[in-house]
Amino acid sequence: MKTLILIRHAKSDWSNPFLHDFDRELNARGLKDAPLMGTILAQKNIHPDLILSSPALRAQATAIEIARKLSFPEAAITYDSSLYESDIETVFKVIRSVPDTCETLILFGHNPEMTECVNALCDAEIDNVPTCGVVAMRLRGNSWKSIEFHSANLLFFDAPKHH
C-alpha cells in the first residue's frame, strides 16, 4: 500500500515587503514548527522512500528540517519547480510520475493546492491545511499512477497548533 504525506511549508517571514515570494524564508515560528512536526512523524515511524518539495526557500527549509528528524539525507530531497504556484492537476501529475518502488512519499508544497489536494484525494473536508500541517493518506490502489479524485483514505491530520 502506498502512503502519501502532504505537508504545507512552515510559517514564512514577511518582514521584507520587497522580497520576492519565492525567496521568503521561515520565521521564528516556522523554524520551531518544522522540527516539531518532524519529531512527531518520526514517533509515528514514518520512513519516506522519497521526499519531493517545491523549490521555494520556505518549502525547502521545511523539507530539510523534517528530513533531518526522519534521518532522510538532505541531498536526497528532490525539488520540483512545478510544485511552486501549481494546481491540483499539476500536483497529481508529479505524484503520478513517482516510481512504484516508492512506498512512502512526502510532498512539500503550498496552499491553496495542499488543502485542495487533500480534500480531492480523500474527502477529508479540511477547511485549511495550516502552515506545517501534515496530512497522511493511504492510496486505495498500489500504484502512484492511480492518483485521482477520491483515491485515498485519510490516515491522520496533524499541525503544530495541536501540540
N, C-alpha and C. Protein backbone atom coordinates (compact mmCIF):
# COMPACT_ATOMS: atom_id res chain seq x y z
N MET A 1 0.84 -1.19 0.00
CA MET A 1 0.00 0.00 0.00
C MET A 1 0.88 1.25 0.00
N LYS A 2 0.51 2.20 -0.80
CA LYS A 2 1.26 3.45 -0.92
C LYS A 2 0.75 4.45 0.12
N THR A 3 1.71 5.12 0.77
CA THR A 3 1.38 6.16 1.74
C THR A 3 1.87 7.49 1.19
N LEU A 4 0.95 8.44 1.13
CA LEU A 4 1.24 9.79 0.66
C LEU A 4 1.08 10.75 1.83
N ILE A 5 2.10 11.56 2.06
CA ILE A 5 2.04 12.57 3.11
C ILE A 5 2.24 13.93 2.46
N LEU A 6 1.23 14.77 2.57
CA LEU A 6 1.30 16.13 2.05
C LEU A 6 1.57 17.07 3.22
N ILE A 7 2.56 17.94 3.04
CA ILE A 7 2.93 18.88 4.10
C ILE A 7 3.01 20.28 3.51
N ARG A 8 2.30 21.19 4.13
CA ARG A 8 2.42 22.59 3.75
C ARG A 8 3.67 23.16 4.43
N HIS A 9 4.39 24.01 3.73
CA HIS A 9 5.58 24.62 4.32
C HIS A 9 5.25 25.30 5.64
N ALA A 10 6.27 25.42 6.49
CA ALA A 10 6.11 26.09 7.79
C ALA A 10 5.96 27.60 7.59
N LYS A 11 5.64 28.29 8.67
CA LYS A 11 5.37 29.73 8.65
C LYS A 11 6.57 30.50 8.10
N SER A 12 6.28 31.38 7.14
CA SER A 12 7.36 32.13 6.49
C SER A 12 7.43 33.56 6.98
N ASP A 13 8.56 34.16 6.69
CA ASP A 13 8.88 35.52 7.13
C ASP A 13 8.38 36.54 6.10
N TRP A 14 7.55 37.45 6.57
CA TRP A 14 7.00 38.51 5.71
C TRP A 14 7.59 39.87 6.06
N SER A 15 8.68 39.91 6.81
CA SER A 15 9.21 41.18 7.30
C SER A 15 9.79 42.07 6.20
N ASN A 16 10.20 41.50 5.08
CA ASN A 16 10.74 42.30 3.98
C ASN A 16 9.72 42.35 2.85
N PRO A 17 9.00 43.46 2.71
CA PRO A 17 7.95 43.54 1.68
C PRO A 17 8.50 43.56 0.25
N PHE A 18 9.79 43.75 0.10
CA PHE A 18 10.39 43.82 -1.24
C PHE A 18 10.93 42.48 -1.71
N LEU A 19 10.91 41.49 -0.83
CA LEU A 19 11.44 40.18 -1.15
C LEU A 19 10.44 39.42 -2.02
N HIS A 20 10.92 38.81 -3.07
CA HIS A 20 10.06 38.00 -3.94
C HIS A 20 9.49 36.84 -3.12
N ASP A 21 8.25 36.48 -3.39
CA ASP A 21 7.57 35.41 -2.65
C ASP A 21 8.41 34.13 -2.60
N PHE A 22 9.03 33.76 -3.69
CA PHE A 22 9.82 32.55 -3.80
C PHE A 22 10.96 32.53 -2.79
N ASP A 23 11.48 33.70 -2.46
CA ASP A 23 12.68 33.82 -1.62
C ASP A 23 12.41 34.00 -0.14
N ARG A 24 11.14 33.94 0.27
CA ARG A 24 10.83 34.10 1.69
C ARG A 24 11.31 32.88 2.48
N GLU A 25 12.01 33.12 3.57
CA GLU A 25 12.50 32.04 4.43
C GLU A 25 11.52 31.81 5.58
N LEU A 26 11.84 30.89 6.45
CA LEU A 26 10.99 30.62 7.61
C LEU A 26 11.20 31.68 8.67
N ASN A 27 10.11 32.02 9.37
CA ASN A 27 10.25 32.92 10.50
C ASN A 27 10.54 32.08 11.75
N ALA A 28 10.60 32.73 12.91
CA ALA A 28 10.96 32.03 14.15
C ALA A 28 9.99 30.89 14.44
N ARG A 29 8.70 31.14 14.23
CA ARG A 29 7.71 30.08 14.49
C ARG A 29 7.90 28.92 13.52
N GLY A 30 8.17 29.22 12.26
CA GLY A 30 8.42 28.17 11.28
C GLY A 30 9.64 27.33 11.62
N LEU A 31 10.68 28.00 12.11
CA LEU A 31 11.91 27.29 12.49
C LEU A 31 11.70 26.39 13.70
N LYS A 32 10.66 26.68 14.48
CA LYS A 32 10.31 25.84 15.64
C LYS A 32 9.35 24.73 15.23
N ASP A 33 8.39 25.06 14.36
CA ASP A 33 7.34 24.11 14.00
C ASP A 33 7.84 22.96 13.12
N ALA A 34 8.73 23.25 12.18
CA ALA A 34 9.18 22.19 11.26
C ALA A 34 9.87 21.04 12.01
N PRO A 35 10.84 21.31 12.90
CA PRO A 35 11.43 20.19 13.65
C PRO A 35 10.41 19.47 14.54
N LEU A 36 9.46 20.22 15.11
CA LEU A 36 8.42 19.60 15.93
C LEU A 36 7.64 18.58 15.12
N MET A 37 7.20 18.97 13.92
CA MET A 37 6.41 18.05 13.10
C MET A 37 7.27 16.89 12.61
N GLY A 38 8.55 17.15 12.37
CA GLY A 38 9.45 16.07 12.00
C GLY A 38 9.58 15.04 13.13
N THR A 39 9.67 15.53 14.35
CA THR A 39 9.75 14.64 15.51
C THR A 39 8.47 13.81 15.64
N ILE A 40 7.34 14.45 15.43
CA ILE A 40 6.06 13.74 15.51
C ILE A 40 5.98 12.66 14.45
N LEU A 41 6.42 12.97 13.23
CA LEU A 41 6.41 11.96 12.17
C LEU A 41 7.37 10.81 12.50
N ALA A 42 8.51 11.12 13.07
CA ALA A 42 9.46 10.08 13.48
C ALA A 42 8.83 9.18 14.55
N GLN A 43 8.08 9.78 15.49
CA GLN A 43 7.41 9.00 16.52
C GLN A 43 6.34 8.09 15.93
N LYS A 44 5.80 8.47 14.78
CA LYS A 44 4.80 7.64 14.08
C LYS A 44 5.47 6.62 13.16
N ASN A 45 6.80 6.52 13.25
CA ASN A 45 7.57 5.58 12.44
C ASN A 45 7.40 5.80 10.94
N ILE A 46 7.38 7.05 10.54
CA ILE A 46 7.32 7.38 9.12
C ILE A 46 8.73 7.30 8.55
N HIS A 47 8.88 6.53 7.49
CA HIS A 47 10.17 6.35 6.82
C HIS A 47 9.97 6.58 5.33
N PRO A 48 10.15 7.81 4.87
CA PRO A 48 9.90 8.08 3.45
C PRO A 48 10.95 7.44 2.55
N ASP A 49 10.48 6.98 1.42
CA ASP A 49 11.38 6.50 0.37
C ASP A 49 11.78 7.65 -0.53
N LEU A 50 10.91 8.67 -0.58
CA LEU A 50 11.16 9.82 -1.44
C LEU A 50 10.54 11.05 -0.80
N ILE A 51 11.29 12.16 -0.86
CA ILE A 51 10.76 13.46 -0.45
C ILE A 51 10.85 14.37 -1.66
N LEU A 52 9.71 14.92 -2.05
CA LEU A 52 9.61 15.90 -3.13
C LEU A 52 9.19 17.22 -2.53
N SER A 53 9.77 18.31 -3.02
CA SER A 53 9.45 19.62 -2.47
C SER A 53 9.42 20.69 -3.54
N SER A 54 8.59 21.68 -3.30
CA SER A 54 8.67 22.92 -4.04
C SER A 54 10.05 23.50 -3.77
N PRO A 55 10.65 24.18 -4.77
CA PRO A 55 11.96 24.77 -4.54
C PRO A 55 11.93 26.13 -3.83
N ALA A 56 10.74 26.66 -3.52
CA ALA A 56 10.66 27.92 -2.79
C ALA A 56 11.42 27.76 -1.47
N LEU A 57 12.13 28.79 -1.04
CA LEU A 57 13.01 28.66 0.13
C LEU A 57 12.29 28.16 1.37
N ARG A 58 11.07 28.64 1.61
CA ARG A 58 10.35 28.23 2.81
C ARG A 58 9.97 26.75 2.76
N ALA A 59 9.66 26.24 1.57
CA ALA A 59 9.35 24.81 1.41
C ALA A 59 10.63 23.99 1.56
N GLN A 60 11.71 24.45 0.95
CA GLN A 60 13.00 23.76 1.09
C GLN A 60 13.40 23.64 2.55
N ALA A 61 13.33 24.75 3.27
CA ALA A 61 13.74 24.76 4.68
C ALA A 61 12.88 23.82 5.51
N THR A 62 11.58 23.78 5.23
CA THR A 62 10.68 22.87 5.94
C THR A 62 11.04 21.42 5.64
N ALA A 63 11.25 21.13 4.36
CA ALA A 63 11.61 19.77 3.95
C ALA A 63 12.91 19.32 4.62
N ILE A 64 13.89 20.20 4.64
CA ILE A 64 15.19 19.86 5.24
C ILE A 64 15.05 19.57 6.72
N GLU A 65 14.33 20.43 7.44
CA GLU A 65 14.18 20.24 8.89
C GLU A 65 13.44 18.94 9.20
N ILE A 66 12.41 18.64 8.46
CA ILE A 66 11.65 17.41 8.70
C ILE A 66 12.47 16.20 8.28
N ALA A 67 13.16 16.29 7.15
CA ALA A 67 14.01 15.19 6.70
C ALA A 67 15.06 14.83 7.76
N ARG A 68 15.64 15.84 8.38
CA ARG A 68 16.64 15.59 9.43
C ARG A 68 16.06 14.74 10.56
N LYS A 69 14.85 15.07 10.97
CA LYS A 69 14.22 14.33 12.06
C LYS A 69 13.87 12.90 11.66
N LEU A 70 13.72 12.67 10.35
CA LEU A 70 13.38 11.35 9.84
C LEU A 70 14.61 10.58 9.37
N SER A 71 15.79 11.14 9.61
CA SER A 71 17.06 10.54 9.16
C SER A 71 17.06 10.30 7.65
N PHE A 72 16.43 11.20 6.93
CA PHE A 72 16.41 11.15 5.46
C PHE A 72 17.49 12.11 4.98
N PRO A 73 18.39 11.67 4.10
CA PRO A 73 19.50 12.53 3.69
C PRO A 73 19.05 13.79 2.94
N GLU A 74 19.54 14.92 3.40
CA GLU A 74 19.18 16.20 2.77
C GLU A 74 19.48 16.20 1.27
N ALA A 75 20.59 15.60 0.88
CA ALA A 75 20.99 15.57 -0.53
C ALA A 75 20.03 14.74 -1.38
N ALA A 76 19.22 13.89 -0.75
CA ALA A 76 18.29 13.04 -1.50
C ALA A 76 16.92 13.70 -1.71
N ILE A 77 16.70 14.87 -1.12
CA ILE A 77 15.43 15.59 -1.34
C ILE A 77 15.40 16.06 -2.79
N THR A 78 14.28 15.82 -3.46
CA THR A 78 14.12 16.23 -4.85
C THR A 78 13.25 17.48 -4.90
N TYR A 79 13.75 18.49 -5.61
CA TYR A 79 12.99 19.75 -5.75
C TYR A 79 12.40 19.80 -7.15
N ASP A 80 11.11 20.09 -7.21
CA ASP A 80 10.39 20.11 -8.48
C ASP A 80 9.75 21.49 -8.64
N SER A 81 10.21 22.25 -9.62
CA SER A 81 9.72 23.62 -9.81
C SER A 81 8.23 23.68 -10.13
N SER A 82 7.67 22.59 -10.63
CA SER A 82 6.23 22.62 -10.93
C SER A 82 5.37 22.63 -9.67
N LEU A 83 5.97 22.36 -8.50
CA LEU A 83 5.22 22.40 -7.24
C LEU A 83 5.09 23.80 -6.66
N TYR A 84 5.72 24.77 -7.29
CA TYR A 84 5.59 26.17 -6.86
C TYR A 84 4.57 26.84 -7.76
N GLU A 85 3.58 27.51 -7.15
CA GLU A 85 2.49 28.15 -7.88
C GLU A 85 1.81 27.15 -8.82
N SER A 86 1.41 26.02 -8.23
CA SER A 86 0.81 24.95 -9.02
C SER A 86 -0.69 24.87 -8.78
N ASP A 87 -1.27 23.77 -9.22
CA ASP A 87 -2.68 23.49 -9.02
C ASP A 87 -2.83 21.99 -8.78
N ILE A 88 -4.03 21.54 -8.51
CA ILE A 88 -4.26 20.13 -8.19
C ILE A 88 -3.74 19.21 -9.29
N GLU A 89 -4.09 19.50 -10.52
CA GLU A 89 -3.68 18.62 -11.62
C GLU A 89 -2.17 18.53 -11.73
N THR A 90 -1.48 19.63 -11.49
CA THR A 90 -0.01 19.60 -11.54
C THR A 90 0.54 18.74 -10.41
N VAL A 91 0.00 18.88 -9.22
CA VAL A 91 0.45 18.06 -8.09
C VAL A 91 0.16 16.59 -8.38
N PHE A 92 -1.02 16.29 -8.90
CA PHE A 92 -1.36 14.90 -9.26
C PHE A 92 -0.37 14.37 -10.30
N LYS A 93 -0.03 15.19 -11.28
CA LYS A 93 0.91 14.77 -12.33
C LYS A 93 2.28 14.43 -11.72
N VAL A 94 2.74 15.25 -10.80
CA VAL A 94 4.01 15.00 -10.12
C VAL A 94 3.94 13.67 -9.35
N ILE A 95 2.85 13.46 -8.63
CA ILE A 95 2.70 12.22 -7.85
C ILE A 95 2.65 11.01 -8.79
N ARG A 96 1.92 11.13 -9.89
CA ARG A 96 1.81 10.01 -10.84
C ARG A 96 3.15 9.63 -11.45
N SER A 97 4.10 10.55 -11.44
CA SER A 97 5.41 10.28 -12.03
C SER A 97 6.36 9.54 -11.07
N VAL A 98 5.94 9.35 -9.82
CA VAL A 98 6.78 8.68 -8.82
C VAL A 98 6.85 7.19 -9.15
N PRO A 99 8.05 6.61 -9.12
CA PRO A 99 8.16 5.17 -9.40
C PRO A 99 7.46 4.34 -8.33
N ASP A 100 6.87 3.24 -8.75
CA ASP A 100 6.12 2.39 -7.82
C ASP A 100 7.00 1.66 -6.83
N THR A 101 8.31 1.75 -6.98
CA THR A 101 9.21 1.19 -5.96
C THR A 101 9.15 2.02 -4.68
N CYS A 102 8.66 3.24 -4.77
CA CYS A 102 8.47 4.11 -3.61
C CYS A 102 7.18 3.72 -2.91
N GLU A 103 7.28 3.40 -1.63
CA GLU A 103 6.09 3.05 -0.84
C GLU A 103 5.55 4.25 -0.07
N THR A 104 6.45 5.10 0.44
CA THR A 104 6.04 6.26 1.22
C THR A 104 6.64 7.51 0.61
N LEU A 105 5.77 8.42 0.20
CA LEU A 105 6.16 9.68 -0.43
C LEU A 105 5.73 10.83 0.47
N ILE A 106 6.67 11.76 0.71
CA ILE A 106 6.32 13.01 1.38
C ILE A 106 6.49 14.12 0.36
N LEU A 107 5.47 14.94 0.23
CA LEU A 107 5.48 16.05 -0.72
C LEU A 107 5.23 17.35 0.02
N PHE A 108 6.14 18.32 -0.16
CA PHE A 108 6.04 19.63 0.47
C PHE A 108 5.58 20.65 -0.56
N GLY A 109 4.55 21.41 -0.19
CA GLY A 109 4.05 22.41 -1.11
C GLY A 109 3.39 23.57 -0.40
N HIS A 110 2.47 24.19 -1.11
CA HIS A 110 1.87 25.46 -0.70
C HIS A 110 0.35 25.36 -0.73
N ASN A 111 -0.28 26.31 -0.08
CA ASN A 111 -1.72 26.47 -0.22
C ASN A 111 -1.99 27.46 -1.35
N PRO A 112 -3.10 27.35 -2.03
CA PRO A 112 -4.25 26.52 -1.68
C PRO A 112 -4.17 25.06 -2.15
N GLU A 113 -3.17 24.73 -2.98
CA GLU A 113 -3.17 23.39 -3.59
C GLU A 113 -3.02 22.25 -2.59
N MET A 114 -2.32 22.44 -1.46
CA MET A 114 -2.21 21.34 -0.49
C MET A 114 -3.59 21.01 0.09
N THR A 115 -4.33 22.03 0.51
CA THR A 115 -5.67 21.80 1.05
C THR A 115 -6.59 21.21 -0.01
N GLU A 116 -6.53 21.74 -1.22
CA GLU A 116 -7.38 21.24 -2.30
C GLU A 116 -7.06 19.79 -2.63
N CYS A 117 -5.78 19.44 -2.66
CA CYS A 117 -5.39 18.05 -2.96
C CYS A 117 -5.88 17.09 -1.89
N VAL A 118 -5.69 17.47 -0.64
CA VAL A 118 -6.13 16.61 0.46
C VAL A 118 -7.62 16.33 0.33
N ASN A 119 -8.41 17.36 0.15
CA ASN A 119 -9.86 17.18 0.07
C ASN A 119 -10.28 16.43 -1.18
N ALA A 120 -9.58 16.62 -2.27
CA ALA A 120 -9.91 15.91 -3.51
C ALA A 120 -9.54 14.44 -3.42
N LEU A 121 -8.42 14.14 -2.77
CA LEU A 121 -7.95 12.76 -2.71
C LEU A 121 -8.73 11.90 -1.73
N CYS A 122 -9.06 12.45 -0.57
CA CYS A 122 -9.62 11.56 0.46
C CYS A 122 -10.89 12.08 1.13
N ASP A 123 -11.55 13.04 0.53
CA ASP A 123 -12.80 13.55 1.10
C ASP A 123 -12.64 13.92 2.57
N ALA A 124 -11.52 14.55 2.91
CA ALA A 124 -11.21 14.86 4.30
C ALA A 124 -12.03 16.02 4.86
N GLU A 125 -12.49 16.91 4.01
CA GLU A 125 -13.23 18.10 4.43
C GLU A 125 -12.44 18.94 5.43
N ILE A 126 -11.17 19.16 5.12
CA ILE A 126 -10.31 20.02 5.92
C ILE A 126 -10.39 21.42 5.32
N ASP A 127 -10.84 22.39 6.12
CA ASP A 127 -11.01 23.75 5.62
C ASP A 127 -9.69 24.37 5.18
N ASN A 128 -8.63 24.08 5.93
CA ASN A 128 -7.34 24.68 5.65
C ASN A 128 -6.24 23.81 6.24
N VAL A 129 -5.27 23.42 5.42
CA VAL A 129 -4.07 22.79 5.95
C VAL A 129 -3.19 23.96 6.39
N PRO A 130 -2.99 24.14 7.69
CA PRO A 130 -2.23 25.29 8.17
C PRO A 130 -0.74 25.14 7.86
N THR A 131 0.01 26.20 8.08
CA THR A 131 1.45 26.11 7.86
C THR A 131 2.02 24.97 8.70
N CYS A 132 2.84 24.18 8.07
CA CYS A 132 3.48 22.99 8.64
C CYS A 132 2.46 21.91 9.00
N GLY A 133 1.25 22.01 8.44
CA GLY A 133 0.25 20.96 8.62
C GLY A 133 0.66 19.72 7.83
N VAL A 134 0.35 18.56 8.41
CA VAL A 134 0.73 17.27 7.83
C VAL A 134 -0.53 16.44 7.63
N VAL A 135 -0.72 15.94 6.41
CA VAL A 135 -1.86 15.07 6.14
C VAL A 135 -1.33 13.79 5.51
N ALA A 136 -1.60 12.67 6.16
CA ALA A 136 -1.16 11.37 5.66
C ALA A 136 -2.36 10.60 5.12
N MET A 137 -2.14 9.97 3.98
CA MET A 137 -3.20 9.22 3.31
C MET A 137 -2.65 7.88 2.83
N ARG A 138 -3.51 6.91 2.70
CA ARG A 138 -3.15 5.62 2.11
C ARG A 138 -3.92 5.50 0.80
N LEU A 139 -3.20 5.25 -0.27
CA LEU A 139 -3.83 5.07 -1.57
C LEU A 139 -4.63 3.78 -1.58
N ARG A 140 -5.74 3.80 -2.27
CA ARG A 140 -6.55 2.58 -2.41
C ARG A 140 -5.92 1.65 -3.44
N GLY A 141 -5.24 2.22 -4.42
CA GLY A 141 -4.53 1.42 -5.42
C GLY A 141 -3.09 1.20 -5.01
N ASN A 142 -2.38 0.37 -5.75
CA ASN A 142 -0.99 0.09 -5.39
C ASN A 142 -0.01 0.70 -6.37
N SER A 143 -0.45 1.78 -7.04
CA SER A 143 0.43 2.48 -7.96
C SER A 143 0.19 3.98 -7.83
N TRP A 144 1.28 4.74 -7.92
CA TRP A 144 1.14 6.20 -7.87
C TRP A 144 0.36 6.70 -9.08
N LYS A 145 0.36 5.92 -10.15
CA LYS A 145 -0.39 6.32 -11.35
C LYS A 145 -1.90 6.30 -11.12
N SER A 146 -2.33 5.65 -10.02
CA SER A 146 -3.77 5.56 -9.72
C SER A 146 -4.30 6.81 -9.01
N ILE A 147 -3.44 7.79 -8.78
CA ILE A 147 -3.88 9.02 -8.11
C ILE A 147 -4.95 9.71 -8.94
N GLU A 148 -6.07 9.94 -8.31
CA GLU A 148 -7.18 10.68 -8.92
C GLU A 148 -8.10 11.10 -7.78
N PHE A 149 -9.16 11.78 -8.11
CA PHE A 149 -10.11 12.20 -7.10
C PHE A 149 -10.65 10.97 -6.34
N HIS A 150 -10.74 11.09 -5.02
CA HIS A 150 -11.30 10.06 -4.15
C HIS A 150 -10.53 8.74 -4.22
N SER A 151 -9.21 8.79 -4.33
CA SER A 151 -8.42 7.57 -4.48
C SER A 151 -7.59 7.22 -3.24
N ALA A 152 -7.87 7.88 -2.11
CA ALA A 152 -7.08 7.62 -0.90
C ALA A 152 -7.97 7.69 0.34
N ASN A 153 -7.46 7.12 1.41
CA ASN A 153 -8.12 7.18 2.72
C ASN A 153 -7.24 7.98 3.67
N LEU A 154 -7.86 8.84 4.45
CA LEU A 154 -7.13 9.66 5.43
C LEU A 154 -6.60 8.77 6.54
N LEU A 155 -5.30 8.91 6.84
CA LEU A 155 -4.69 8.22 7.98
C LEU A 155 -4.65 9.14 9.19
N PHE A 156 -4.13 10.36 8.99
CA PHE A 156 -4.12 11.33 10.08
C PHE A 156 -3.88 12.73 9.53
N PHE A 157 -4.31 13.70 10.30
CA PHE A 157 -4.09 15.12 10.02
C PHE A 157 -3.55 15.72 11.30
N ASP A 158 -2.42 16.41 11.19
CA ASP A 158 -1.81 16.98 12.38
C ASP A 158 -1.22 18.34 12.01
N ALA A 159 -1.03 19.18 13.00
CA ALA A 159 -0.47 20.51 12.79
C ALA A 159 0.17 20.98 14.09
N PRO A 160 1.11 21.91 14.00
CA PRO A 160 1.79 22.39 15.21
C PRO A 160 0.85 22.88 16.30
N LYS A 161 -0.24 23.53 15.91
CA LYS A 161 -1.15 24.07 16.92
C LYS A 161 -1.86 22.98 17.73
N HIS A 162 -1.80 21.73 17.26
CA HIS A 162 -2.40 20.62 18.02
C HIS A 162 -1.50 20.20 19.18
N HIS A 163 -0.31 20.80 19.28
CA HIS A 163 0.68 20.36 20.29
C HIS A 163 1.10 21.51 21.19
